[in-house]
Amino acid sequence: MSSQPPERASAKSSAALGSDRALRADARRNRERVLRTAQQLFATEGLGVSLDEIARHAGVGPGTVHRHFPTKEALYLAVATDQLEHLVREAEVLATTDDPAALFTQLSRMMATGAENVAVKSALVAAEFDLRTAAPRVAADLTRQVADLLDRAHAAGVVRDDLTVDEVMALVAGAFAAIRHANAETSRERSAHIAQIILDGLRPQSR
């Protein structure tokens, strides 16, 4: 039986809890820093950059990177999932606006994000990772947000009336393939041009 006064034990427990929370917050910040750095390096340097190099640019120890992401594939998946989560948050903001054409803004952002990180997505495909099964919740959230924006666009008559959300998501995925096929991954101007051609095809056809 402990002879420690209850108040002292309680103070120690509170201190330990506060320390654990600080450690968890620090770990989250480190993980986010690694993700941001990895996204940038993958986009500018390619997938050949090592985990140790990512750690150096992120200002953390190699052990920190390897602890969060034991393999390159784990990092690829985390980067892609983080991008999806960011796109979901952007779609949520667009949903609060009155813009009937917000769908096109969201799809432009999705295509731009995909164009900047098409190599990561290709690596996941090569490793037989499908984001819809590897990160089903966030993938479903993004599809639902796009569906809501599509419904608004339909109601306003600014998008083809025969367009479904499944077709929209397929065209976004197709845009990544088109950008890669045209070797336009490193050119924002060229990738945006390809994306715009695809988006123009979603607008109502003149009769």
N, C-alpha and C. Protein backbone atom coordinates (compact mmCIF):
# COMPACT_ATOMS: atom_id res chain seq x y z
N MET A 1 0.84 -1.20 0.00
CA MET A 1 0.00 0.00 0.00
C MET A 1 0.87 1.25 0.00
N SER A 2 0.57 2.21 -0.84
CA SER A 2 1.38 3.42 -0.94
C SER A 2 1.13 4.35 0.22
N SER A 3 2.24 4.93 0.73
CA SER A 3 2.11 5.90 1.82
C SER A 3 2.12 7.31 1.30
N GLN A 4 2.14 7.45 -0.02
CA GLN A 4 2.19 8.78 -0.63
C GLN A 4 0.88 9.50 -0.41
N PRO A 5 0.90 10.77 0.05
CA PRO A 5 -0.34 11.54 0.25
C PRO A 5 -1.12 11.61 -1.04
N PRO A 6 -2.46 11.53 -0.95
CA PRO A 6 -3.30 11.56 -2.15
C PRO A 6 -3.05 12.77 -3.02
N GLU A 7 -2.85 13.95 -2.36
CA GLU A 7 -2.69 15.14 -3.17
C GLU A 7 -1.39 15.11 -3.96
N ARG A 8 -0.34 14.49 -3.36
CA ARG A 8 0.93 14.42 -4.06
C ARG A 8 0.83 13.45 -5.23
N ALA A 9 0.14 12.31 -4.99
CA ALA A 9 -0.05 11.35 -6.07
C ALA A 9 -0.84 11.96 -7.21
N SER A 10 -1.86 12.75 -6.86
CA SER A 10 -2.68 13.40 -7.87
C SER A 10 -1.86 14.40 -8.67
N ALA A 11 -0.99 15.14 -7.99
CA ALA A 11 -0.16 16.12 -8.67
C ALA A 11 0.78 15.44 -9.64
N LYS A 12 1.33 14.27 -9.20
CA LYS A 12 2.23 13.55 -10.09
C LYS A 12 1.50 13.02 -11.32
N SER A 13 0.27 12.54 -11.09
CA SER A 13 -0.52 12.02 -12.20
C SER A 13 -0.83 13.12 -13.20
N SER A 14 -1.18 14.30 -12.69
CA SER A 14 -1.48 15.44 -13.57
C SER A 14 -0.26 15.85 -14.37
N ALA A 15 0.90 15.85 -13.67
CA ALA A 15 2.14 16.22 -14.35
C ALA A 15 2.48 15.22 -15.44
N ALA A 16 2.27 13.93 -15.14
CA ALA A 16 2.56 12.89 -16.12
C ALA A 16 1.62 13.02 -17.32
N LEU A 17 0.33 13.31 -17.03
CA LEU A 17 -0.64 13.47 -18.11
C LEU A 17 -0.27 14.65 -19.00
N GLY A 18 0.14 15.75 -18.35
CA GLY A 18 0.54 16.92 -19.12
C GLY A 18 1.76 16.64 -19.96
N SER A 19 2.70 15.88 -19.40
CA SER A 19 3.90 15.52 -20.14
C SER A 19 3.56 14.64 -21.33
N ASP A 20 2.65 13.66 -21.13
CA ASP A 20 2.24 12.78 -22.22
C ASP A 20 1.57 13.57 -23.33
N ARG A 21 0.73 14.54 -22.94
CA ARG A 21 0.05 15.36 -23.95
C ARG A 21 1.06 16.18 -24.74
N ALA A 22 2.06 16.72 -24.03
CA ALA A 22 3.08 17.51 -24.71
C ALA A 22 3.87 16.65 -25.69
N LEU A 23 4.18 15.42 -25.25
CA LEU A 23 4.91 14.51 -26.13
C LEU A 23 4.07 14.16 -27.36
N ARG A 24 2.78 13.91 -27.14
CA ARG A 24 1.91 13.57 -28.26
C ARG A 24 1.80 14.74 -29.24
N ALA A 25 1.67 15.96 -28.69
CA ALA A 25 1.58 17.15 -29.53
C ALA A 25 2.88 17.34 -30.31
N ASP A 26 4.01 17.10 -29.67
CA ASP A 26 5.30 17.23 -30.33
C ASP A 26 5.44 16.19 -31.43
N ALA A 27 4.98 14.98 -31.15
CA ALA A 27 5.04 13.91 -32.15
C ALA A 27 4.17 14.26 -33.36
N ARG A 28 2.99 14.84 -33.10
CA ARG A 28 2.11 15.24 -34.20
C ARG A 28 2.76 16.32 -35.06
N ARG A 29 3.40 17.29 -34.38
CA ARG A 29 4.06 18.36 -35.13
C ARG A 29 5.20 17.80 -35.99
N ASN A 30 5.97 16.89 -35.41
CA ASN A 30 7.06 16.28 -36.17
C ASN A 30 6.54 15.51 -37.37
N ARG A 31 5.44 14.77 -37.16
CA ARG A 31 4.87 13.99 -38.25
C ARG A 31 4.39 14.92 -39.37
N GLU A 32 3.72 16.01 -38.99
CA GLU A 32 3.23 16.96 -39.99
C GLU A 32 4.39 17.62 -40.73
N ARG A 33 5.47 17.92 -40.00
CA ARG A 33 6.64 18.53 -40.63
C ARG A 33 7.26 17.57 -41.65
N VAL A 34 7.33 16.30 -41.28
CA VAL A 34 7.88 15.29 -42.20
C VAL A 34 6.99 15.17 -43.44
N LEU A 35 5.66 15.15 -43.24
CA LEU A 35 4.74 15.04 -44.37
C LEU A 35 4.89 16.21 -45.32
N ARG A 36 4.92 17.45 -44.77
CA ARG A 36 5.05 18.63 -45.63
C ARG A 36 6.36 18.58 -46.42
N THR A 37 7.43 18.18 -45.72
CA THR A 37 8.74 18.11 -46.38
C THR A 37 8.76 17.04 -47.45
N ALA A 38 8.18 15.89 -47.14
CA ALA A 38 8.14 14.79 -48.11
C ALA A 38 7.36 15.19 -49.35
N GLN A 39 6.22 15.85 -49.17
CA GLN A 39 5.41 16.29 -50.31
C GLN A 39 6.24 17.20 -51.22
N GLN A 40 6.94 18.14 -50.60
CA GLN A 40 7.73 19.09 -51.39
C GLN A 40 8.88 18.40 -52.12
N LEU A 41 9.59 17.53 -51.42
CA LEU A 41 10.74 16.87 -52.03
C LEU A 41 10.32 15.87 -53.10
N PHE A 42 9.25 15.15 -52.87
CA PHE A 42 8.77 14.22 -53.89
C PHE A 42 8.39 14.97 -55.16
N ALA A 43 7.77 16.15 -54.98
CA ALA A 43 7.33 16.94 -56.14
C ALA A 43 8.50 17.55 -56.89
N THR A 44 9.55 17.94 -56.16
CA THR A 44 10.66 18.66 -56.81
C THR A 44 11.85 17.76 -57.13
N GLU A 45 12.08 16.74 -56.29
CA GLU A 45 13.26 15.89 -56.47
C GLU A 45 12.94 14.49 -56.97
N GLY A 46 11.66 14.11 -56.92
CA GLY A 46 11.29 12.76 -57.34
C GLY A 46 11.25 11.80 -56.16
N LEU A 47 10.87 10.57 -56.45
CA LEU A 47 10.68 9.59 -55.39
C LEU A 47 11.98 8.97 -54.90
N GLY A 48 13.09 9.28 -55.57
CA GLY A 48 14.36 8.69 -55.17
C GLY A 48 14.94 9.26 -53.89
N VAL A 49 14.39 10.37 -53.41
CA VAL A 49 14.90 10.98 -52.19
C VAL A 49 14.73 10.00 -51.03
N SER A 50 15.76 9.88 -50.19
CA SER A 50 15.75 8.89 -49.11
C SER A 50 15.01 9.42 -47.88
N LEU A 51 14.62 8.49 -47.01
CA LEU A 51 13.97 8.89 -45.76
C LEU A 51 14.92 9.73 -44.91
N ASP A 52 16.22 9.41 -44.92
CA ASP A 52 17.19 10.18 -44.15
C ASP A 52 17.30 11.60 -44.69
N GLU A 53 17.21 11.76 -46.02
CA GLU A 53 17.27 13.09 -46.61
C GLU A 53 16.03 13.90 -46.24
N ILE A 54 14.90 13.24 -46.23
CA ILE A 54 13.66 13.91 -45.80
C ILE A 54 13.79 14.37 -44.36
N ALA A 55 14.37 13.52 -43.52
CA ALA A 55 14.56 13.88 -42.11
C ALA A 55 15.44 15.11 -41.99
N ARG A 56 16.52 15.16 -42.77
CA ARG A 56 17.44 16.30 -42.70
C ARG A 56 16.74 17.59 -43.09
N HIS A 57 15.97 17.56 -44.19
CA HIS A 57 15.27 18.76 -44.62
C HIS A 57 14.16 19.16 -43.65
N ALA A 58 13.57 18.18 -42.97
CA ALA A 58 12.49 18.47 -42.03
C ALA A 58 13.02 18.94 -40.68
N GLY A 59 14.31 18.79 -40.46
CA GLY A 59 14.89 19.22 -39.19
C GLY A 59 14.60 18.27 -38.05
N VAL A 60 14.44 16.99 -38.36
CA VAL A 60 14.21 15.98 -37.33
C VAL A 60 15.23 14.87 -37.51
N GLY A 61 15.34 14.01 -36.50
CA GLY A 61 16.27 12.90 -36.59
C GLY A 61 15.74 11.80 -37.50
N PRO A 62 16.64 11.02 -38.12
CA PRO A 62 16.21 9.91 -38.97
C PRO A 62 15.28 8.94 -38.23
N GLY A 63 15.55 8.75 -36.94
CA GLY A 63 14.71 7.83 -36.16
C GLY A 63 13.27 8.29 -36.10
N THR A 64 13.05 9.60 -36.08
CA THR A 64 11.68 10.14 -36.05
C THR A 64 10.93 9.76 -37.31
N VAL A 65 11.58 9.90 -38.46
CA VAL A 65 10.94 9.55 -39.73
C VAL A 65 10.66 8.06 -39.80
N HIS A 66 11.67 7.25 -39.45
CA HIS A 66 11.51 5.80 -39.54
C HIS A 66 10.48 5.28 -38.54
N ARG A 67 10.34 5.97 -37.41
CA ARG A 67 9.34 5.55 -36.42
C ARG A 67 7.92 5.77 -36.95
N HIS A 68 7.70 6.91 -37.57
CA HIS A 68 6.37 7.21 -38.12
C HIS A 68 6.12 6.47 -39.43
N PHE A 69 7.17 6.34 -40.24
CA PHE A 69 7.01 5.77 -41.59
C PHE A 69 8.12 4.74 -41.81
N PRO A 70 7.90 3.50 -41.42
CA PRO A 70 8.95 2.49 -41.50
C PRO A 70 9.39 2.14 -42.93
N THR A 71 8.52 2.42 -43.92
CA THR A 71 8.87 2.15 -45.31
C THR A 71 8.50 3.34 -46.18
N LYS A 72 9.06 3.38 -47.38
CA LYS A 72 8.72 4.43 -48.33
C LYS A 72 7.24 4.36 -48.69
N GLU A 73 6.74 3.13 -48.84
CA GLU A 73 5.33 2.96 -49.22
C GLU A 73 4.41 3.55 -48.15
N ALA A 74 4.79 3.39 -46.87
CA ALA A 74 3.99 3.94 -45.77
C ALA A 74 3.97 5.46 -45.85
N LEU A 75 5.09 6.05 -46.24
CA LEU A 75 5.16 7.51 -46.38
C LEU A 75 4.35 7.96 -47.58
N TYR A 76 4.45 7.24 -48.70
CA TYR A 76 3.64 7.59 -49.87
C TYR A 76 2.16 7.61 -49.51
N LEU A 77 1.72 6.56 -48.81
CA LEU A 77 0.31 6.45 -48.44
C LEU A 77 -0.10 7.59 -47.51
N ALA A 78 0.77 7.93 -46.55
CA ALA A 78 0.47 9.01 -45.62
C ALA A 78 0.38 10.35 -46.34
N VAL A 79 1.29 10.58 -47.29
CA VAL A 79 1.27 11.83 -48.06
C VAL A 79 -0.02 11.93 -48.86
N ALA A 80 -0.39 10.86 -49.55
CA ALA A 80 -1.60 10.87 -50.36
C ALA A 80 -2.85 11.04 -49.51
N THR A 81 -2.89 10.36 -48.36
CA THR A 81 -4.05 10.49 -47.46
C THR A 81 -4.16 11.89 -46.90
N ASP A 82 -3.03 12.47 -46.53
CA ASP A 82 -3.01 13.84 -46.02
C ASP A 82 -3.54 14.81 -47.06
N GLN A 83 -3.18 14.60 -48.31
CA GLN A 83 -3.67 15.47 -49.39
C GLN A 83 -5.19 15.36 -49.53
N LEU A 84 -5.69 14.13 -49.43
CA LEU A 84 -7.14 13.94 -49.51
C LEU A 84 -7.84 14.66 -48.36
N GLU A 85 -7.29 14.56 -47.16
CA GLU A 85 -7.90 15.23 -46.01
C GLU A 85 -7.92 16.74 -46.20
N HIS A 86 -6.85 17.26 -46.78
CA HIS A 86 -6.79 18.71 -47.05
C HIS A 86 -7.86 19.10 -48.06
N LEU A 87 -8.05 18.28 -49.09
CA LEU A 87 -9.07 18.56 -50.10
C LEU A 87 -10.47 18.48 -49.52
N VAL A 88 -10.69 17.57 -48.59
CA VAL A 88 -11.99 17.48 -47.92
C VAL A 88 -12.28 18.77 -47.16
N ARG A 89 -11.28 19.26 -46.45
CA ARG A 89 -11.46 20.52 -45.69
C ARG A 89 -11.76 21.68 -46.63
N GLU A 90 -11.08 21.73 -47.77
CA GLU A 90 -11.35 22.80 -48.74
C GLU A 90 -12.77 22.69 -49.30
N ALA A 91 -13.21 21.46 -49.54
CA ALA A 91 -14.57 21.27 -50.06
C ALA A 91 -15.61 21.69 -49.03
N GLU A 92 -15.33 21.43 -47.76
CA GLU A 92 -16.25 21.83 -46.70
C GLU A 92 -16.40 23.35 -46.66
N VAL A 93 -15.31 24.06 -46.89
CA VAL A 93 -15.37 25.52 -46.93
C VAL A 93 -16.20 25.98 -48.14
N LEU A 94 -15.95 25.37 -49.30
CA LEU A 94 -16.71 25.73 -50.50
C LEU A 94 -18.20 25.48 -50.33
N ALA A 95 -18.53 24.45 -49.55
CA ALA A 95 -19.94 24.11 -49.34
C ALA A 95 -20.68 25.21 -48.58
N THR A 96 -19.96 26.05 -47.85
CA THR A 96 -20.59 27.12 -47.08
C THR A 96 -20.82 28.37 -47.92
N THR A 97 -20.31 28.38 -49.15
CA THR A 97 -20.48 29.54 -50.02
C THR A 97 -21.75 29.39 -50.86
N ASP A 98 -22.09 30.46 -51.56
CA ASP A 98 -23.27 30.43 -52.44
C ASP A 98 -22.89 30.24 -53.91
N ASP A 99 -21.63 29.94 -54.16
CA ASP A 99 -21.15 29.84 -55.53
C ASP A 99 -21.68 28.56 -56.19
N PRO A 100 -22.53 28.69 -57.22
CA PRO A 100 -23.07 27.49 -57.87
C PRO A 100 -22.01 26.71 -58.65
N ALA A 101 -20.93 27.40 -59.00
CA ALA A 101 -19.86 26.75 -59.77
C ALA A 101 -18.70 26.32 -58.87
N ALA A 102 -18.95 26.19 -57.58
CA ALA A 102 -17.89 25.79 -56.64
C ALA A 102 -17.33 24.42 -57.00
N LEU A 103 -18.14 23.61 -57.67
CA LEU A 103 -17.66 22.29 -58.10
C LEU A 103 -16.39 22.43 -58.93
N PHE A 104 -16.37 23.39 -59.85
CA PHE A 104 -15.21 23.54 -60.73
C PHE A 104 -13.99 24.00 -59.95
N THR A 105 -14.20 24.83 -58.94
CA THR A 105 -13.09 25.25 -58.09
C THR A 105 -12.50 24.05 -57.37
N GLN A 106 -13.37 23.21 -56.83
CA GLN A 106 -12.90 22.03 -56.11
C GLN A 106 -12.19 21.06 -57.03
N LEU A 107 -12.74 20.81 -58.21
CA LEU A 107 -12.10 19.88 -59.13
C LEU A 107 -10.76 20.41 -59.63
N SER A 108 -10.67 21.72 -59.82
CA SER A 108 -9.39 22.32 -60.21
C SER A 108 -8.34 22.08 -59.14
N ARG A 109 -8.74 22.24 -57.88
CA ARG A 109 -7.81 22.02 -56.77
C ARG A 109 -7.39 20.55 -56.71
N MET A 110 -8.34 19.66 -56.92
CA MET A 110 -8.04 18.23 -56.88
C MET A 110 -7.06 17.86 -57.99
N MET A 111 -7.28 18.40 -59.18
CA MET A 111 -6.40 18.09 -60.30
C MET A 111 -5.02 18.69 -60.10
N ALA A 112 -4.96 19.91 -59.55
CA ALA A 112 -3.66 20.56 -59.31
C ALA A 112 -2.87 19.78 -58.27
N THR A 113 -3.55 19.36 -57.20
CA THR A 113 -2.88 18.58 -56.16
C THR A 113 -2.38 17.26 -56.73
N GLY A 114 -3.21 16.62 -57.52
CA GLY A 114 -2.81 15.36 -58.12
C GLY A 114 -1.66 15.52 -59.10
N ALA A 115 -1.68 16.62 -59.86
CA ALA A 115 -0.61 16.86 -60.83
C ALA A 115 0.73 17.05 -60.14
N GLU A 116 0.71 17.76 -59.00
CA GLU A 116 1.94 18.01 -58.28
C GLU A 116 2.50 16.75 -57.63
N ASN A 117 1.63 15.78 -57.40
CA ASN A 117 2.06 14.57 -56.70
C ASN A 117 1.70 13.30 -57.46
N VAL A 118 1.68 13.41 -58.78
CA VAL A 118 1.29 12.26 -59.59
C VAL A 118 2.27 11.10 -59.42
N ALA A 119 3.55 11.41 -59.14
CA ALA A 119 4.53 10.35 -58.95
C ALA A 119 4.20 9.51 -57.72
N VAL A 120 3.74 10.18 -56.65
CA VAL A 120 3.36 9.46 -55.43
C VAL A 120 2.20 8.52 -55.72
N LYS A 121 1.20 9.03 -56.43
CA LYS A 121 0.04 8.20 -56.76
C LYS A 121 0.44 7.03 -57.65
N SER A 122 1.35 7.26 -58.58
CA SER A 122 1.81 6.19 -59.44
C SER A 122 2.56 5.13 -58.64
N ALA A 123 3.33 5.58 -57.66
CA ALA A 123 4.07 4.64 -56.81
C ALA A 123 3.11 3.78 -56.01
N LEU A 124 2.02 4.38 -55.54
CA LEU A 124 1.03 3.61 -54.79
C LEU A 124 0.35 2.58 -55.69
N VAL A 125 0.06 2.98 -56.91
CA VAL A 125 -0.54 2.04 -57.85
C VAL A 125 0.42 0.88 -58.13
N ALA A 126 1.70 1.22 -58.30
CA ALA A 126 2.71 0.18 -58.56
C ALA A 126 2.83 -0.78 -57.39
N ALA A 127 2.63 -0.25 -56.18
CA ALA A 127 2.70 -1.09 -54.99
C ALA A 127 1.36 -1.74 -54.67
N GLU A 128 0.41 -1.58 -55.60
CA GLU A 128 -0.92 -2.16 -55.48
C GLU A 128 -1.70 -1.60 -54.29
N PHE A 129 -1.52 -0.30 -54.05
CA PHE A 129 -2.31 0.41 -53.04
C PHE A 129 -3.42 1.16 -53.76
N ASP A 130 -4.64 1.02 -53.26
CA ASP A 130 -5.78 1.78 -53.76
C ASP A 130 -6.27 2.63 -52.60
N LEU A 131 -6.24 3.94 -52.77
CA LEU A 131 -6.64 4.84 -51.68
C LEU A 131 -8.07 4.60 -51.22
N ARG A 132 -8.90 4.13 -52.13
CA ARG A 132 -10.29 3.90 -51.75
C ARG A 132 -10.42 2.76 -50.76
N THR A 133 -9.46 1.85 -50.77
CA THR A 133 -9.48 0.76 -49.80
C THR A 133 -8.48 0.99 -48.67
N ALA A 134 -7.37 1.68 -48.97
CA ALA A 134 -6.35 1.94 -47.94
C ALA A 134 -6.79 3.06 -47.00
N ALA A 135 -7.55 4.03 -47.52
CA ALA A 135 -8.05 5.14 -46.69
C ALA A 135 -9.52 5.37 -47.03
N PRO A 136 -10.37 4.38 -46.74
CA PRO A 136 -11.77 4.44 -47.20
C PRO A 136 -12.56 5.60 -46.63
N ARG A 137 -12.30 5.97 -45.37
CA ARG A 137 -13.10 7.03 -44.76
C ARG A 137 -12.89 8.36 -45.46
N VAL A 138 -11.63 8.76 -45.63
CA VAL A 138 -11.35 10.06 -46.22
C VAL A 138 -11.73 10.06 -47.71
N ALA A 139 -11.54 8.93 -48.39
CA ALA A 139 -11.94 8.85 -49.80
C ALA A 139 -13.44 9.01 -49.94
N ALA A 140 -14.19 8.38 -49.03
CA ALA A 140 -15.65 8.51 -49.07
C ALA A 140 -16.08 9.93 -48.73
N ASP A 141 -15.39 10.56 -47.77
CA ASP A 141 -15.71 11.94 -47.40
C ASP A 141 -15.53 12.88 -48.60
N LEU A 142 -14.43 12.70 -49.32
CA LEU A 142 -14.18 13.56 -50.47
C LEU A 142 -15.23 13.35 -51.56
N THR A 143 -15.57 12.09 -51.82
CA THR A 143 -16.59 11.80 -52.83
C THR A 143 -17.93 12.40 -52.44
N ARG A 144 -18.27 12.32 -51.16
CA ARG A 144 -19.54 12.89 -50.69
C ARG A 144 -19.55 14.41 -50.86
N GLN A 145 -18.44 15.06 -50.55
CA GLN A 145 -18.37 16.52 -50.70
C GLN A 145 -18.51 16.91 -52.17
N VAL A 146 -17.84 16.17 -53.04
CA VAL A 146 -17.94 16.46 -54.47
C VAL A 146 -19.37 16.24 -54.96
N ALA A 147 -20.02 15.19 -54.45
CA ALA A 147 -21.41 14.91 -54.84
C ALA A 147 -22.32 16.06 -54.45
N ASP A 148 -22.11 16.63 -53.27
CA ASP A 148 -22.94 17.76 -52.83
C ASP A 148 -22.72 18.98 -53.73
N LEU A 149 -21.46 19.24 -54.07
CA LEU A 149 -21.17 20.37 -54.96
C LEU A 149 -21.73 20.12 -56.36
N LEU A 150 -21.73 18.86 -56.78
CA LEU A 150 -22.30 18.51 -58.08
C LEU A 150 -23.81 18.74 -58.08
N ASP A 151 -24.47 18.37 -57.00
CA ASP A 151 -25.92 18.60 -56.90
C ASP A 151 -26.24 20.09 -57.02
N ARG A 152 -25.44 20.92 -56.37
CA ARG A 152 -25.66 22.37 -56.45
C ARG A 152 -25.44 22.87 -57.88
N ALA A 153 -24.39 22.36 -58.52
CA ALA A 153 -24.11 22.78 -59.90
C ALA A 153 -25.21 22.34 -60.84
N HIS A 154 -25.75 21.13 -60.62
CA HIS A 154 -26.88 20.66 -61.43
C HIS A 154 -28.08 21.58 -61.27
N ALA A 155 -28.37 21.94 -60.02
CA ALA A 155 -29.53 22.78 -59.75
C ALA A 155 -29.39 24.15 -60.41
N ALA A 156 -28.16 24.62 -60.53
CA ALA A 156 -27.92 25.94 -61.13
C ALA A 156 -27.75 25.85 -62.65
N GLY A 157 -27.67 24.64 -63.18
CA GLY A 157 -27.53 24.47 -64.62
C GLY A 157 -26.17 24.82 -65.16
N VAL A 158 -25.12 24.74 -64.31
CA VAL A 158 -23.78 25.12 -64.77
C VAL A 158 -22.92 23.91 -65.12
N VAL A 159 -23.51 22.72 -65.02
CA VAL A 159 -22.79 21.50 -65.34
C VAL A 159 -23.72 20.60 -66.16
N ARG A 160 -23.15 19.71 -66.92
CA ARG A 160 -23.96 18.78 -67.72
C ARG A 160 -24.96 18.06 -66.83
N ASP A 161 -26.20 17.94 -67.29
CA ASP A 161 -27.23 17.33 -66.45
C ASP A 161 -27.14 15.81 -66.42
N ASP A 162 -26.30 15.23 -67.28
CA ASP A 162 -26.17 13.77 -67.30
C ASP A 162 -24.92 13.29 -66.56
N LEU A 163 -24.25 14.20 -65.85
CA LEU A 163 -22.99 13.89 -65.18
C LEU A 163 -23.24 13.32 -63.79
N THR A 164 -22.59 12.21 -63.46
CA THR A 164 -22.70 11.60 -62.13
C THR A 164 -21.41 11.81 -61.35
N VAL A 165 -21.49 11.66 -60.04
CA VAL A 165 -20.30 11.85 -59.22
C VAL A 165 -19.25 10.79 -59.52
N ASP A 166 -19.66 9.57 -59.83
CA ASP A 166 -18.69 8.53 -60.18
C ASP A 166 -17.92 8.90 -61.44
N GLU A 167 -18.62 9.51 -62.39
CA GLU A 167 -17.96 9.94 -63.62
C GLU A 167 -17.00 11.10 -63.34
N VAL A 168 -17.41 12.00 -62.45
CA VAL A 168 -16.54 13.12 -62.08
C VAL A 168 -15.25 12.61 -61.46
N MET A 169 -15.36 11.68 -60.50
CA MET A 169 -14.17 11.17 -59.83
C MET A 169 -13.29 10.39 -60.81
N ALA A 170 -13.91 9.69 -61.75
CA ALA A 170 -13.14 8.96 -62.75
C ALA A 170 -12.38 9.92 -63.67
N LEU A 171 -13.01 11.05 -64.01
CA LEU A 171 -12.35 12.03 -64.86
C LEU A 171 -11.19 12.71 -64.14
N VAL A 172 -11.33 12.94 -62.84
CA VAL A 172 -10.22 13.50 -62.06
C VAL A 172 -9.03 12.53 -62.09
N ALA A 173 -9.31 11.25 -61.85
CA ALA A 173 -8.25 10.25 -61.91
C ALA A 173 -7.64 10.20 -63.31
N GLY A 174 -8.49 10.33 -64.33
CA GLY A 174 -8.01 10.34 -65.71
C GLY A 174 -7.12 11.54 -66.00
N ALA A 175 -7.41 12.65 -65.35
CA ALA A 175 -6.60 13.85 -65.54
C ALA A 175 -5.16 13.60 -65.09
N PHE A 176 -5.01 12.88 -63.97
CA PHE A 176 -3.66 12.57 -63.49
C PHE A 176 -2.89 11.76 -64.54
N ALA A 177 -3.59 10.77 -65.11
CA ALA A 177 -2.96 9.92 -66.12
C ALA A 177 -2.60 10.73 -67.36
N ALA A 178 -3.49 11.64 -67.76
CA ALA A 178 -3.24 12.47 -68.94
C ALA A 178 -2.04 13.39 -68.72
N ILE A 179 -1.97 13.98 -67.54
CA ILE A 179 -0.86 14.88 -67.22
C ILE A 179 0.46 14.12 -67.22
N ARG A 180 0.44 12.92 -66.66
CA ARG A 180 1.67 12.11 -66.65
C ARG A 180 2.05 11.67 -68.07
N HIS A 181 1.05 11.29 -68.86
CA HIS A 181 1.31 10.85 -70.24
C HIS A 181 1.93 11.97 -71.06
N ALA A 182 1.52 13.21 -70.77
CA ALA A 182 2.03 14.37 -71.51
C ALA A 182 3.33 14.91 -70.93
N ASN A 183 3.86 14.20 -69.91
CA ASN A 183 5.08 14.65 -69.22
C ASN A 183 4.95 16.09 -68.73
N ALA A 184 3.75 16.39 -68.21
CA ALA A 184 3.47 17.77 -67.76
C ALA A 184 3.48 17.90 -66.24
N GLU A 185 4.00 16.88 -65.53
CA GLU A 185 3.95 16.92 -64.06
C GLU A 185 4.71 18.11 -63.48
N THR A 186 5.79 18.51 -64.12
CA THR A 186 6.62 19.58 -63.59
C THR A 186 6.24 20.96 -64.10
N SER A 187 5.22 21.03 -64.94
CA SER A 187 4.79 22.32 -65.49
C SER A 187 3.37 22.62 -65.02
N ARG A 188 3.24 23.57 -64.12
CA ARG A 188 1.91 23.94 -63.64
C ARG A 188 1.04 24.48 -64.77
N GLU A 189 1.67 25.21 -65.69
CA GLU A 189 0.91 25.80 -66.80
C GLU A 189 0.33 24.72 -67.70
N ARG A 190 1.16 23.73 -68.06
CA ARG A 190 0.69 22.66 -68.95
C ARG A 190 -0.32 21.75 -68.26
N SER A 191 -0.04 21.42 -67.00
CA SER A 191 -0.98 20.54 -66.28
C SER A 191 -2.31 21.24 -66.06
N ALA A 192 -2.27 22.56 -65.79
CA ALA A 192 -3.52 23.31 -65.62
C ALA A 192 -4.29 23.40 -66.93
N HIS A 193 -3.57 23.49 -68.06
CA HIS A 193 -4.23 23.54 -69.36
C HIS A 193 -4.96 22.23 -69.64
N ILE A 194 -4.32 21.11 -69.35
CA ILE A 194 -4.96 19.81 -69.54
C ILE A 194 -6.18 19.68 -68.64
N ALA A 195 -6.03 20.12 -67.39
CA ALA A 195 -7.15 20.05 -66.45
C ALA A 195 -8.32 20.90 -66.93
N GLN A 196 -8.01 22.08 -67.50
CA GLN A 196 -9.07 22.97 -67.97
C GLN A 196 -9.83 22.38 -69.14
N ILE A 197 -9.13 21.68 -70.03
CA ILE A 197 -9.80 21.01 -71.15
C ILE A 197 -10.82 20.01 -70.63
N ILE A 198 -10.41 19.25 -69.61
CA ILE A 198 -11.30 18.26 -69.02
C ILE A 198 -12.49 18.94 -68.35
N LEU A 199 -12.24 20.00 -67.60
CA LEU A 199 -13.31 20.72 -66.92
C LEU A 199 -14.29 21.34 -67.91
N ASP A 200 -13.78 21.84 -69.02
CA ASP A 200 -14.67 22.43 -70.03
C ASP A 200 -15.65 21.40 -70.56
N GLY A 201 -15.24 20.14 -70.58
CA GLY A 201 -16.11 19.09 -71.06
C GLY A 201 -17.25 18.78 -70.11
N LEU A 202 -17.18 19.29 -68.88
CA LEU A 202 -18.24 19.05 -67.89
C LEU A 202 -19.34 20.11 -67.97
N ARG A 203 -19.09 21.17 -68.71
CA ARG A 203 -20.09 22.24 -68.78
C ARG A 203 -21.22 21.87 -69.74
N PRO A 204 -22.38 22.50 -69.58
CA PRO A 204 -23.52 22.19 -70.46
C PRO A 204 -23.15 22.39 -71.92
N GLN A 205 -23.60 21.47 -72.75
CA GLN A 205 -23.32 21.56 -74.17
C GLN A 205 -24.28 22.52 -74.85
N SER A 206 -23.74 23.39 -75.68
CA SER A 206 -24.60 24.33 -76.41
C SER A 206 -25.38 23.58 -77.49
N ARG A 207 -26.61 23.99 -77.69
CA ARG A 207 -27.46 23.32 -78.68
C ARG A 207 -27.73 24.27 -79.86
